[in-house]
Amino acid sequence: ILVALAGCRPHGNTQNPKFAAAAE
């Protein structure tokens, strides 16, 4: 965590099947 300094907001896939049940 100590090296968290700068950068853009990350983007990911909201349709990842591993999280399908939680998303539903």
PDBML (XML) file of the C-alpha atoms, coordinates in Angstrom:
<?xml version="1.0" encoding="UTF-8" ?>
<PDBx:datablock datablockName="MODEL"
   xmlns:PDBx="http://pdbml.pdb.org/schema/pdbx-v50.xsd"
   xmlns:xsi="http://www.w3.org/2001/XMLSchema-instance"
   xsi:schemaLocation="http://pdbml.pdb.org/schema/pdbx-v50.xsd pdbx-v50.xsd">
   <PDBx:atom_siteCategory>
      <PDBx:atom_site id="1">
         <PDBx:B_iso_or_equiv>0.00</PDBx:B_iso_or_equiv>
         <PDBx:Cartn_x>0.000</PDBx:Cartn_x>
         <PDBx:Cartn_y>0.000</PDBx:Cartn_y>
         <PDBx:Cartn_z>0.000</PDBx:Cartn_z>
         <PDBx:auth_asym_id>A</PDBx:auth_asym_id>
         <PDBx:auth_atom_id>CA</PDBx:auth_atom_id>
         <PDBx:auth_comp_id>ILE</PDBx:auth_comp_id>
         <PDBx:auth_seq_id>1</PDBx:auth_seq_id>
         <PDBx:group_PDB>ATOM</PDBx:group_PDB>
         <PDBx:label_alt_id xsi:nil="true" />
         <PDBx:label_asym_id>A</PDBx:label_asym_id>
         <PDBx:label_atom_id>CA</PDBx:label_atom_id>
         <PDBx:label_comp_id>ILE</PDBx:label_comp_id>
         <PDBx:label_entity_id>1</PDBx:label_entity_id>
         <PDBx:label_seq_id>1</PDBx:label_seq_id>
         <PDBx:occupancy>1.00</PDBx:occupancy>
         <PDBx:pdbx_PDB_model_num>1</PDBx:pdbx_PDB_model_num>
         <PDBx:type_symbol>C</PDBx:type_symbol>
      </PDBx:atom_site>
      <PDBx:atom_site id="2">
         <PDBx:B_iso_or_equiv>0.00</PDBx:B_iso_or_equiv>
         <PDBx:Cartn_x>2.952</PDBx:Cartn_x>
         <PDBx:Cartn_y>2.310</PDBx:Cartn_y>
         <PDBx:Cartn_z>0.617</PDBx:Cartn_z>
         <PDBx:auth_asym_id>A</PDBx:auth_asym_id>
         <PDBx:auth_atom_id>CA</PDBx:auth_atom_id>
         <PDBx:auth_comp_id>LEU</PDBx:auth_comp_id>
         <PDBx:auth_seq_id>2</PDBx:auth_seq_id>
         <PDBx:group_PDB>ATOM</PDBx:group_PDB>
         <PDBx:label_alt_id xsi:nil="true" />
         <PDBx:label_asym_id>A</PDBx:label_asym_id>
         <PDBx:label_atom_id>CA</PDBx:label_atom_id>
         <PDBx:label_comp_id>LEU</PDBx:label_comp_id>
         <PDBx:label_entity_id>1</PDBx:label_entity_id>
         <PDBx:label_seq_id>2</PDBx:label_seq_id>
         <PDBx:occupancy>1.00</PDBx:occupancy>
         <PDBx:pdbx_PDB_model_num>1</PDBx:pdbx_PDB_model_num>
         <PDBx:type_symbol>C</PDBx:type_symbol>
      </PDBx:atom_site>
      <PDBx:atom_site id="3">
         <PDBx:B_iso_or_equiv>0.00</PDBx:B_iso_or_equiv>
         <PDBx:Cartn_x>3.621</PDBx:Cartn_x>
         <PDBx:Cartn_y>2.771</PDBx:Cartn_y>
         <PDBx:Cartn_z>-3.086</PDBx:Cartn_z>
         <PDBx:auth_asym_id>A</PDBx:auth_asym_id>
         <PDBx:auth_atom_id>CA</PDBx:auth_atom_id>
         <PDBx:auth_comp_id>VAL</PDBx:auth_comp_id>
         <PDBx:auth_seq_id>3</PDBx:auth_seq_id>
         <PDBx:group_PDB>ATOM</PDBx:group_PDB>
         <PDBx:label_alt_id xsi:nil="true" />
         <PDBx:label_asym_id>A</PDBx:label_asym_id>
         <PDBx:label_atom_id>CA</PDBx:label_atom_id>
         <PDBx:label_comp_id>VAL</PDBx:label_comp_id>
         <PDBx:label_entity_id>1</PDBx:label_entity_id>
         <PDBx:label_seq_id>3</PDBx:label_seq_id>
         <PDBx:occupancy>1.00</PDBx:occupancy>
         <PDBx:pdbx_PDB_model_num>1</PDBx:pdbx_PDB_model_num>
         <PDBx:type_symbol>C</PDBx:type_symbol>
      </PDBx:atom_site>
      <PDBx:atom_site id="4">
         <PDBx:B_iso_or_equiv>0.00</PDBx:B_iso_or_equiv>
         <PDBx:Cartn_x>0.093</PDBx:Cartn_x>
         <PDBx:Cartn_y>3.899</PDBx:Cartn_y>
         <PDBx:Cartn_z>-3.961</PDBx:Cartn_z>
         <PDBx:auth_asym_id>A</PDBx:auth_asym_id>
         <PDBx:auth_atom_id>CA</PDBx:auth_atom_id>
         <PDBx:auth_comp_id>ALA</PDBx:auth_comp_id>
         <PDBx:auth_seq_id>4</PDBx:auth_seq_id>
         <PDBx:group_PDB>ATOM</PDBx:group_PDB>
         <PDBx:label_alt_id xsi:nil="true" />
         <PDBx:label_asym_id>A</PDBx:label_asym_id>
         <PDBx:label_atom_id>CA</PDBx:label_atom_id>
         <PDBx:label_comp_id>ALA</PDBx:label_comp_id>
         <PDBx:label_entity_id>1</PDBx:label_entity_id>
         <PDBx:label_seq_id>4</PDBx:label_seq_id>
         <PDBx:occupancy>1.00</PDBx:occupancy>
         <PDBx:pdbx_PDB_model_num>1</PDBx:pdbx_PDB_model_num>
         <PDBx:type_symbol>C</PDBx:type_symbol>
      </PDBx:atom_site>
      <PDBx:atom_site id="5">
         <PDBx:B_iso_or_equiv>0.00</PDBx:B_iso_or_equiv>
         <PDBx:Cartn_x>1.036</PDBx:Cartn_x>
         <PDBx:Cartn_y>7.320</PDBx:Cartn_y>
         <PDBx:Cartn_z>-5.283</PDBx:Cartn_z>
         <PDBx:auth_asym_id>A</PDBx:auth_asym_id>
         <PDBx:auth_atom_id>CA</PDBx:auth_atom_id>
         <PDBx:auth_comp_id>LEU</PDBx:auth_comp_id>
         <PDBx:auth_seq_id>5</PDBx:auth_seq_id>
         <PDBx:group_PDB>ATOM</PDBx:group_PDB>
         <PDBx:label_alt_id xsi:nil="true" />
         <PDBx:label_asym_id>A</PDBx:label_asym_id>
         <PDBx:label_atom_id>CA</PDBx:label_atom_id>
         <PDBx:label_comp_id>LEU</PDBx:label_comp_id>
         <PDBx:label_entity_id>1</PDBx:label_entity_id>
         <PDBx:label_seq_id>5</PDBx:label_seq_id>
         <PDBx:occupancy>1.00</PDBx:occupancy>
         <PDBx:pdbx_PDB_model_num>1</PDBx:pdbx_PDB_model_num>
         <PDBx:type_symbol>C</PDBx:type_symbol>
      </PDBx:atom_site>
      <PDBx:atom_site id="6">
         <PDBx:B_iso_or_equiv>0.00</PDBx:B_iso_or_equiv>
         <PDBx:Cartn_x>-0.552</PDBx:Cartn_x>
         <PDBx:Cartn_y>8.380</PDBx:Cartn_y>
         <PDBx:Cartn_z>-8.581</PDBx:Cartn_z>
         <PDBx:auth_asym_id>A</PDBx:auth_asym_id>
         <PDBx:auth_atom_id>CA</PDBx:auth_atom_id>
         <PDBx:auth_comp_id>ALA</PDBx:auth_comp_id>
         <PDBx:auth_seq_id>6</PDBx:auth_seq_id>
         <PDBx:group_PDB>ATOM</PDBx:group_PDB>
         <PDBx:label_alt_id xsi:nil="true" />
         <PDBx:label_asym_id>A</PDBx:label_asym_id>
         <PDBx:label_atom_id>CA</PDBx:label_atom_id>
         <PDBx:label_comp_id>ALA</PDBx:label_comp_id>
         <PDBx:label_entity_id>1</PDBx:label_entity_id>
         <PDBx:label_seq_id>6</PDBx:label_seq_id>
         <PDBx:occupancy>1.00</PDBx:occupancy>
         <PDBx:pdbx_PDB_model_num>1</PDBx:pdbx_PDB_model_num>
         <PDBx:type_symbol>C</PDBx:type_symbol>
      </PDBx:atom_site>
      <PDBx:atom_site id="7">
         <PDBx:B_iso_or_equiv>0.00</PDBx:B_iso_or_equiv>
         <PDBx:Cartn_x>-2.496</PDBx:Cartn_x>
         <PDBx:Cartn_y>7.223</PDBx:Cartn_y>
         <PDBx:Cartn_z>-11.599</PDBx:Cartn_z>
         <PDBx:auth_asym_id>A</PDBx:auth_asym_id>
         <PDBx:auth_atom_id>CA</PDBx:auth_atom_id>
         <PDBx:auth_comp_id>GLY</PDBx:auth_comp_id>
         <PDBx:auth_seq_id>7</PDBx:auth_seq_id>
         <PDBx:group_PDB>ATOM</PDBx:group_PDB>
         <PDBx:label_alt_id xsi:nil="true" />
         <PDBx:label_asym_id>A</PDBx:label_asym_id>
         <PDBx:label_atom_id>CA</PDBx:label_atom_id>
         <PDBx:label_comp_id>GLY</PDBx:label_comp_id>
         <PDBx:label_entity_id>1</PDBx:label_entity_id>
         <PDBx:label_seq_id>7</PDBx:label_seq_id>
         <PDBx:occupancy>1.00</PDBx:occupancy>
         <PDBx:pdbx_PDB_model_num>1</PDBx:pdbx_PDB_model_num>
         <PDBx:type_symbol>C</PDBx:type_symbol>
      </PDBx:atom_site>
      <PDBx:atom_site id="8">
         <PDBx:B_iso_or_equiv>0.00</PDBx:B_iso_or_equiv>
         <PDBx:Cartn_x>-5.914</PDBx:Cartn_x>
         <PDBx:Cartn_y>6.980</PDBx:Cartn_y>
         <PDBx:Cartn_z>-13.168</PDBx:Cartn_z>
         <PDBx:auth_asym_id>A</PDBx:auth_asym_id>
         <PDBx:auth_atom_id>CA</PDBx:auth_atom_id>
         <PDBx:auth_comp_id>CYS</PDBx:auth_comp_id>
         <PDBx:auth_seq_id>8</PDBx:auth_seq_id>
         <PDBx:group_PDB>ATOM</PDBx:group_PDB>
         <PDBx:label_alt_id xsi:nil="true" />
         <PDBx:label_asym_id>A</PDBx:label_asym_id>
         <PDBx:label_atom_id>CA</PDBx:label_atom_id>
         <PDBx:label_comp_id>CYS</PDBx:label_comp_id>
         <PDBx:label_entity_id>1</PDBx:label_entity_id>
         <PDBx:label_seq_id>8</PDBx:label_seq_id>
         <PDBx:occupancy>1.00</PDBx:occupancy>
         <PDBx:pdbx_PDB_model_num>1</PDBx:pdbx_PDB_model_num>
         <PDBx:type_symbol>C</PDBx:type_symbol>
      </PDBx:atom_site>
      <PDBx:atom_site id="9">
         <PDBx:B_iso_or_equiv>0.00</PDBx:B_iso_or_equiv>
         <PDBx:Cartn_x>-9.059</PDBx:Cartn_x>
         <PDBx:Cartn_y>5.336</PDBx:Cartn_y>
         <PDBx:Cartn_z>-11.837</PDBx:Cartn_z>
         <PDBx:auth_asym_id>A</PDBx:auth_asym_id>
         <PDBx:auth_atom_id>CA</PDBx:auth_atom_id>
         <PDBx:auth_comp_id>ARG</PDBx:auth_comp_id>
         <PDBx:auth_seq_id>9</PDBx:auth_seq_id>
         <PDBx:group_PDB>ATOM</PDBx:group_PDB>
         <PDBx:label_alt_id xsi:nil="true" />
         <PDBx:label_asym_id>A</PDBx:label_asym_id>
         <PDBx:label_atom_id>CA</PDBx:label_atom_id>
         <PDBx:label_comp_id>ARG</PDBx:label_comp_id>
         <PDBx:label_entity_id>1</PDBx:label_entity_id>
         <PDBx:label_seq_id>9</PDBx:label_seq_id>
         <PDBx:occupancy>1.00</PDBx:occupancy>
         <PDBx:pdbx_PDB_model_num>1</PDBx:pdbx_PDB_model_num>
         <PDBx:type_symbol>C</PDBx:type_symbol>
      </PDBx:atom_site>
      <PDBx:atom_site id="10">
         <PDBx:B_iso_or_equiv>0.00</PDBx:B_iso_or_equiv>
         <PDBx:Cartn_x>-8.971</PDBx:Cartn_x>
         <PDBx:Cartn_y>1.645</PDBx:Cartn_y>
         <PDBx:Cartn_z>-12.803</PDBx:Cartn_z>
         <PDBx:auth_asym_id>A</PDBx:auth_asym_id>
         <PDBx:auth_atom_id>CA</PDBx:auth_atom_id>
         <PDBx:auth_comp_id>PRO</PDBx:auth_comp_id>
         <PDBx:auth_seq_id>10</PDBx:auth_seq_id>
         <PDBx:group_PDB>ATOM</PDBx:group_PDB>
         <PDBx:label_alt_id xsi:nil="true" />
         <PDBx:label_asym_id>A</PDBx:label_asym_id>
         <PDBx:label_atom_id>CA</PDBx:label_atom_id>
         <PDBx:label_comp_id>PRO</PDBx:label_comp_id>
         <PDBx:label_entity_id>1</PDBx:label_entity_id>
         <PDBx:label_seq_id>10</PDBx:label_seq_id>
         <PDBx:occupancy>1.00</PDBx:occupancy>
         <PDBx:pdbx_PDB_model_num>1</PDBx:pdbx_PDB_model_num>
         <PDBx:type_symbol>C</PDBx:type_symbol>
      </PDBx:atom_site>
      <PDBx:atom_site id="11">
         <PDBx:B_iso_or_equiv>0.00</PDBx:B_iso_or_equiv>
         <PDBx:Cartn_x>-11.664</PDBx:Cartn_x>
         <PDBx:Cartn_y>0.105</PDBx:Cartn_y>
         <PDBx:Cartn_z>-14.970</PDBx:Cartn_z>
         <PDBx:auth_asym_id>A</PDBx:auth_asym_id>
         <PDBx:auth_atom_id>CA</PDBx:auth_atom_id>
         <PDBx:auth_comp_id>HIS</PDBx:auth_comp_id>
         <PDBx:auth_seq_id>11</PDBx:auth_seq_id>
         <PDBx:group_PDB>ATOM</PDBx:group_PDB>
         <PDBx:label_alt_id xsi:nil="true" />
         <PDBx:label_asym_id>A</PDBx:label_asym_id>
         <PDBx:label_atom_id>CA</PDBx:label_atom_id>
         <PDBx:label_comp_id>HIS</PDBx:label_comp_id>
         <PDBx:label_entity_id>1</PDBx:label_entity_id>
         <PDBx:label_seq_id>11</PDBx:label_seq_id>
         <PDBx:occupancy>1.00</PDBx:occupancy>
         <PDBx:pdbx_PDB_model_num>1</PDBx:pdbx_PDB_model_num>
         <PDBx:type_symbol>C</PDBx:type_symbol>
      </PDBx:atom_site>
      <PDBx:atom_site id="12">
         <PDBx:B_iso_or_equiv>0.00</PDBx:B_iso_or_equiv>
         <PDBx:Cartn_x>-12.833</PDBx:Cartn_x>
         <PDBx:Cartn_y>-3.487</PDBx:Cartn_y>
         <PDBx:Cartn_z>-14.968</PDBx:Cartn_z>
         <PDBx:auth_asym_id>A</PDBx:auth_asym_id>
         <PDBx:auth_atom_id>CA</PDBx:auth_atom_id>
         <PDBx:auth_comp_id>GLY</PDBx:auth_comp_id>
         <PDBx:auth_seq_id>12</PDBx:auth_seq_id>
         <PDBx:group_PDB>ATOM</PDBx:group_PDB>
         <PDBx:label_alt_id xsi:nil="true" />
         <PDBx:label_asym_id>A</PDBx:label_asym_id>
         <PDBx:label_atom_id>CA</PDBx:label_atom_id>
         <PDBx:label_comp_id>GLY</PDBx:label_comp_id>
         <PDBx:label_entity_id>1</PDBx:label_entity_id>
         <PDBx:label_seq_id>12</PDBx:label_seq_id>
         <PDBx:occupancy>1.00</PDBx:occupancy>
         <PDBx:pdbx_PDB_model_num>1</PDBx:pdbx_PDB_model_num>
         <PDBx:type_symbol>C</PDBx:type_symbol>
      </PDBx:atom_site>
      <PDBx:atom_site id="13">
         <PDBx:B_iso_or_equiv>0.00</PDBx:B_iso_or_equiv>
         <PDBx:Cartn_x>-15.513</PDBx:Cartn_x>
         <PDBx:Cartn_y>-5.851</PDBx:Cartn_y>
         <PDBx:Cartn_z>-16.173</PDBx:Cartn_z>
         <PDBx:auth_asym_id>A</PDBx:auth_asym_id>
         <PDBx:auth_atom_id>CA</PDBx:auth_atom_id>
         <PDBx:auth_comp_id>ASN</PDBx:auth_comp_id>
         <PDBx:auth_seq_id>13</PDBx:auth_seq_id>
         <PDBx:group_PDB>ATOM</PDBx:group_PDB>
         <PDBx:label_alt_id xsi:nil="true" />
         <PDBx:label_asym_id>A</PDBx:label_asym_id>
         <PDBx:label_atom_id>CA</PDBx:label_atom_id>
         <PDBx:label_comp_id>ASN</PDBx:label_comp_id>
         <PDBx:label_entity_id>1</PDBx:label_entity_id>
         <PDBx:label_seq_id>13</PDBx:label_seq_id>
         <PDBx:occupancy>1.00</PDBx:occupancy>
         <PDBx:pdbx_PDB_model_num>1</PDBx:pdbx_PDB_model_num>
         <PDBx:type_symbol>C</PDBx:type_symbol>
      </PDBx:atom_site>
      <PDBx:atom_site id="14">
         <PDBx:B_iso_or_equiv>0.00</PDBx:B_iso_or_equiv>
         <PDBx:Cartn_x>-18.736</PDBx:Cartn_x>
         <PDBx:Cartn_y>-5.646</PDBx:Cartn_y>
         <PDBx:Cartn_z>-14.178</PDBx:Cartn_z>
         <PDBx:auth_asym_id>A</PDBx:auth_asym_id>
         <PDBx:auth_atom_id>CA</PDBx:auth_atom_id>
         <PDBx:auth_comp_id>THR</PDBx:auth_comp_id>
         <PDBx:auth_seq_id>14</PDBx:auth_seq_id>
         <PDBx:group_PDB>ATOM</PDBx:group_PDB>
         <PDBx:label_alt_id xsi:nil="true" />
         <PDBx:label_asym_id>A</PDBx:label_asym_id>
         <PDBx:label_atom_id>CA</PDBx:label_atom_id>
         <PDBx:label_comp_id>THR</PDBx:label_comp_id>
         <PDBx:label_entity_id>1</PDBx:label_entity_id>
         <PDBx:label_seq_id>14</PDBx:label_seq_id>
         <PDBx:occupancy>1.00</PDBx:occupancy>
         <PDBx:pdbx_PDB_model_num>1</PDBx:pdbx_PDB_model_num>
         <PDBx:type_symbol>C</PDBx:type_symbol>
      </PDBx:atom_site>
      <PDBx:atom_site id="15">
         <PDBx:B_iso_or_equiv>0.00</PDBx:B_iso_or_equiv>
         <PDBx:Cartn_x>-19.900</PDBx:Cartn_x>
         <PDBx:Cartn_y>-8.862</PDBx:Cartn_y>
         <PDBx:Cartn_z>-15.871</PDBx:Cartn_z>
         <PDBx:auth_asym_id>A</PDBx:auth_asym_id>
         <PDBx:auth_atom_id>CA</PDBx:auth_atom_id>
         <PDBx:auth_comp_id>GLN</PDBx:auth_comp_id>
         <PDBx:auth_seq_id>15</PDBx:auth_seq_id>
         <PDBx:group_PDB>ATOM</PDBx:group_PDB>
         <PDBx:label_alt_id xsi:nil="true" />
         <PDBx:label_asym_id>A</PDBx:label_asym_id>
         <PDBx:label_atom_id>CA</PDBx:label_atom_id>
         <PDBx:label_comp_id>GLN</PDBx:label_comp_id>
         <PDBx:label_entity_id>1</PDBx:label_entity_id>
         <PDBx:label_seq_id>15</PDBx:label_seq_id>
         <PDBx:occupancy>1.00</PDBx:occupancy>
         <PDBx:pdbx_PDB_model_num>1</PDBx:pdbx_PDB_model_num>
         <PDBx:type_symbol>C</PDBx:type_symbol>
      </PDBx:atom_site>
      <PDBx:atom_site id="16">
         <PDBx:B_iso_or_equiv>0.00</PDBx:B_iso_or_equiv>
         <PDBx:Cartn_x>-17.174</PDBx:Cartn_x>
         <PDBx:Cartn_y>-11.111</PDBx:Cartn_y>
         <PDBx:Cartn_z>-14.420</PDBx:Cartn_z>
         <PDBx:auth_asym_id>A</PDBx:auth_asym_id>
         <PDBx:auth_atom_id>CA</PDBx:auth_atom_id>
         <PDBx:auth_comp_id>ASN</PDBx:auth_comp_id>
         <PDBx:auth_seq_id>16</PDBx:auth_seq_id>
         <PDBx:group_PDB>ATOM</PDBx:group_PDB>
         <PDBx:label_alt_id xsi:nil="true" />
         <PDBx:label_asym_id>A</PDBx:label_asym_id>
         <PDBx:label_atom_id>CA</PDBx:label_atom_id>
         <PDBx:label_comp_id>ASN</PDBx:label_comp_id>
         <PDBx:label_entity_id>1</PDBx:label_entity_id>
         <PDBx:label_seq_id>16</PDBx:label_seq_id>
         <PDBx:occupancy>1.00</PDBx:occupancy>
         <PDBx:pdbx_PDB_model_num>1</PDBx:pdbx_PDB_model_num>
         <PDBx:type_symbol>C</PDBx:type_symbol>
      </PDBx:atom_site>
      <PDBx:atom_site id="17">
         <PDBx:B_iso_or_equiv>0.00</PDBx:B_iso_or_equiv>
         <PDBx:Cartn_x>-18.967</PDBx:Cartn_x>
         <PDBx:Cartn_y>-14.463</PDBx:Cartn_y>
         <PDBx:Cartn_z>-13.865</PDBx:Cartn_z>
         <PDBx:auth_asym_id>A</PDBx:auth_asym_id>
         <PDBx:auth_atom_id>CA</PDBx:auth_atom_id>
         <PDBx:auth_comp_id>PRO</PDBx:auth_comp_id>
         <PDBx:auth_seq_id>17</PDBx:auth_seq_id>
         <PDBx:group_PDB>ATOM</PDBx:group_PDB>
         <PDBx:label_alt_id xsi:nil="true" />
         <PDBx:label_asym_id>A</PDBx:label_asym_id>
         <PDBx:label_atom_id>CA</PDBx:label_atom_id>
         <PDBx:label_comp_id>PRO</PDBx:label_comp_id>
         <PDBx:label_entity_id>1</PDBx:label_entity_id>
         <PDBx:label_seq_id>17</PDBx:label_seq_id>
         <PDBx:occupancy>1.00</PDBx:occupancy>
         <PDBx:pdbx_PDB_model_num>1</PDBx:pdbx_PDB_model_num>
         <PDBx:type_symbol>C</PDBx:type_symbol>
      </PDBx:atom_site>
      <PDBx:atom_site id="18">
         <PDBx:B_iso_or_equiv>0.00</PDBx:B_iso_or_equiv>
         <PDBx:Cartn_x>-17.153</PDBx:Cartn_x>
         <PDBx:Cartn_y>-14.927</PDBx:Cartn_y>
         <PDBx:Cartn_z>-10.540</PDBx:Cartn_z>
         <PDBx:auth_asym_id>A</PDBx:auth_asym_id>
         <PDBx:auth_atom_id>CA</PDBx:auth_atom_id>
         <PDBx:auth_comp_id>LYS</PDBx:auth_comp_id>
         <PDBx:auth_seq_id>18</PDBx:auth_seq_id>
         <PDBx:group_PDB>ATOM</PDBx:group_PDB>
         <PDBx:label_alt_id xsi:nil="true" />
         <PDBx:label_asym_id>A</PDBx:label_asym_id>
         <PDBx:label_atom_id>CA</PDBx:label_atom_id>
         <PDBx:label_comp_id>LYS</PDBx:label_comp_id>
         <PDBx:label_entity_id>1</PDBx:label_entity_id>
         <PDBx:label_seq_id>18</PDBx:label_seq_id>
         <PDBx:occupancy>1.00</PDBx:occupancy>
         <PDBx:pdbx_PDB_model_num>1</PDBx:pdbx_PDB_model_num>
         <PDBx:type_symbol>C</PDBx:type_symbol>
      </PDBx:atom_site>
      <PDBx:atom_site id="19">
         <PDBx:B_iso_or_equiv>0.00</PDBx:B_iso_or_equiv>
         <PDBx:Cartn_x>-19.266</PDBx:Cartn_x>
         <PDBx:Cartn_y>-12.113</PDBx:Cartn_y>
         <PDBx:Cartn_z>-9.145</PDBx:Cartn_z>
         <PDBx:auth_asym_id>A</PDBx:auth_asym_id>
         <PDBx:auth_atom_id>CA</PDBx:auth_atom_id>
         <PDBx:auth_comp_id>PHE</PDBx:auth_comp_id>
         <PDBx:auth_seq_id>19</PDBx:auth_seq_id>
         <PDBx:group_PDB>ATOM</PDBx:group_PDB>
         <PDBx:label_alt_id xsi:nil="true" />
         <PDBx:label_asym_id>A</PDBx:label_asym_id>
         <PDBx:label_atom_id>CA</PDBx:label_atom_id>
         <PDBx:label_comp_id>PHE</PDBx:label_comp_id>
         <PDBx:label_entity_id>1</PDBx:label_entity_id>
         <PDBx:label_seq_id>19</PDBx:label_seq_id>
         <PDBx:occupancy>1.00</PDBx:occupancy>
         <PDBx:pdbx_PDB_model_num>1</PDBx:pdbx_PDB_model_num>
         <PDBx:type_symbol>C</PDBx:type_symbol>
      </PDBx:atom_site>
      <PDBx:atom_site id="20">
         <PDBx:B_iso_or_equiv>0.00</PDBx:B_iso_or_equiv>
         <PDBx:Cartn_x>-22.480</PDBx:Cartn_x>
         <PDBx:Cartn_y>-12.907</PDBx:Cartn_y>
         <PDBx:Cartn_z>-11.026</PDBx:Cartn_z>
         <PDBx:auth_asym_id>A</PDBx:auth_asym_id>
         <PDBx:auth_atom_id>CA</PDBx:auth_atom_id>
         <PDBx:auth_comp_id>ALA</PDBx:auth_comp_id>
         <PDBx:auth_seq_id>20</PDBx:auth_seq_id>
         <PDBx:group_PDB>ATOM</PDBx:group_PDB>
         <PDBx:label_alt_id xsi:nil="true" />
         <PDBx:label_asym_id>A</PDBx:label_asym_id>
         <PDBx:label_atom_id>CA</PDBx:label_atom_id>
         <PDBx:label_comp_id>ALA</PDBx:label_comp_id>
         <PDBx:label_entity_id>1</PDBx:label_entity_id>
         <PDBx:label_seq_id>20</PDBx:label_seq_id>
         <PDBx:occupancy>1.00</PDBx:occupancy>
         <PDBx:pdbx_PDB_model_num>1</PDBx:pdbx_PDB_model_num>
         <PDBx:type_symbol>C</PDBx:type_symbol>
      </PDBx:atom_site>
      <PDBx:atom_site id="21">
         <PDBx:B_iso_or_equiv>0.00</PDBx:B_iso_or_equiv>
         <PDBx:Cartn_x>-24.450</PDBx:Cartn_x>
         <PDBx:Cartn_y>-14.078</PDBx:Cartn_y>
         <PDBx:Cartn_z>-7.987</PDBx:Cartn_z>
         <PDBx:auth_asym_id>A</PDBx:auth_asym_id>
         <PDBx:auth_atom_id>CA</PDBx:auth_atom_id>
         <PDBx:auth_comp_id>ALA</PDBx:auth_comp_id>
         <PDBx:auth_seq_id>21</PDBx:auth_seq_id>
         <PDBx:group_PDB>ATOM</PDBx:group_PDB>
         <PDBx:label_alt_id xsi:nil="true" />
         <PDBx:label_asym_id>A</PDBx:label_asym_id>
         <PDBx:label_atom_id>CA</PDBx:label_atom_id>
         <PDBx:label_comp_id>ALA</PDBx:label_comp_id>
         <PDBx:label_entity_id>1</PDBx:label_entity_id>
         <PDBx:label_seq_id>21</PDBx:label_seq_id>
         <PDBx:occupancy>1.00</PDBx:occupancy>
         <PDBx:pdbx_PDB_model_num>1</PDBx:pdbx_PDB_model_num>
         <PDBx:type_symbol>C</PDBx:type_symbol>
      </PDBx:atom_site>
      <PDBx:atom_site id="22">
         <PDBx:B_iso_or_equiv>0.00</PDBx:B_iso_or_equiv>
         <PDBx:Cartn_x>-23.359</PDBx:Cartn_x>
         <PDBx:Cartn_y>-11.073</PDBx:Cartn_y>
         <PDBx:Cartn_z>-5.928</PDBx:Cartn_z>
         <PDBx:auth_asym_id>A</PDBx:auth_asym_id>
         <PDBx:auth_atom_id>CA</PDBx:auth_atom_id>
         <PDBx:auth_comp_id>ALA</PDBx:auth_comp_id>
         <PDBx:auth_seq_id>22</PDBx:auth_seq_id>
         <PDBx:group_PDB>ATOM</PDBx:group_PDB>
         <PDBx:label_alt_id xsi:nil="true" />
         <PDBx:label_asym_id>A</PDBx:label_asym_id>
         <PDBx:label_atom_id>CA</PDBx:label_atom_id>
         <PDBx:label_comp_id>ALA</PDBx:label_comp_id>
         <PDBx:label_entity_id>1</PDBx:label_entity_id>
         <PDBx:label_seq_id>22</PDBx:label_seq_id>
         <PDBx:occupancy>1.00</PDBx:occupancy>
         <PDBx:pdbx_PDB_model_num>1</PDBx:pdbx_PDB_model_num>
         <PDBx:type_symbol>C</PDBx:type_symbol>
      </PDBx:atom_site>
      <PDBx:atom_site id="23">
         <PDBx:B_iso_or_equiv>0.00</PDBx:B_iso_or_equiv>
         <PDBx:Cartn_x>-24.199</PDBx:Cartn_x>
         <PDBx:Cartn_y>-8.722</PDBx:Cartn_y>
         <PDBx:Cartn_z>-8.782</PDBx:Cartn_z>
         <PDBx:auth_asym_id>A</PDBx:auth_asym_id>
         <PDBx:auth_atom_id>CA</PDBx:auth_atom_id>
         <PDBx:auth_comp_id>ALA</PDBx:auth_comp_id>
         <PDBx:auth_seq_id>23</PDBx:auth_seq_id>
         <PDBx:group_PDB>ATOM</PDBx:group_PDB>
         <PDBx:label_alt_id xsi:nil="true" />
         <PDBx:label_asym_id>A</PDBx:label_asym_id>
         <PDBx:label_atom_id>CA</PDBx:label_atom_id>
         <PDBx:label_comp_id>ALA</PDBx:label_comp_id>
         <PDBx:label_entity_id>1</PDBx:label_entity_id>
         <PDBx:label_seq_id>23</PDBx:label_seq_id>
         <PDBx:occupancy>1.00</PDBx:occupancy>
         <PDBx:pdbx_PDB_model_num>1</PDBx:pdbx_PDB_model_num>
         <PDBx:type_symbol>C</PDBx:type_symbol>
      </PDBx:atom_site>
      <PDBx:atom_site id="24">
         <PDBx:B_iso_or_equiv>0.00</PDBx:B_iso_or_equiv>
         <PDBx:Cartn_x>-27.637</PDBx:Cartn_x>
         <PDBx:Cartn_y>-10.249</PDBx:Cartn_y>
         <PDBx:Cartn_z>-9.244</PDBx:Cartn_z>
         <PDBx:auth_asym_id>A</PDBx:auth_asym_id>
         <PDBx:auth_atom_id>CA</PDBx:auth_atom_id>
         <PDBx:auth_comp_id>GLU</PDBx:auth_comp_id>
         <PDBx:auth_seq_id>24</PDBx:auth_seq_id>
         <PDBx:group_PDB>ATOM</PDBx:group_PDB>
         <PDBx:label_alt_id xsi:nil="true" />
         <PDBx:label_asym_id>A</PDBx:label_asym_id>
         <PDBx:label_atom_id>CA</PDBx:label_atom_id>
         <PDBx:label_comp_id>GLU</PDBx:label_comp_id>
         <PDBx:label_entity_id>1</PDBx:label_entity_id>
         <PDBx:label_seq_id>24</PDBx:label_seq_id>
         <PDBx:occupancy>1.00</PDBx:occupancy>
         <PDBx:pdbx_PDB_model_num>1</PDBx:pdbx_PDB_model_num>
         <PDBx:type_symbol>C</PDBx:type_symbol>
      </PDBx:atom_site>
   </PDBx:atom_siteCategory>
</PDBx:datablock>
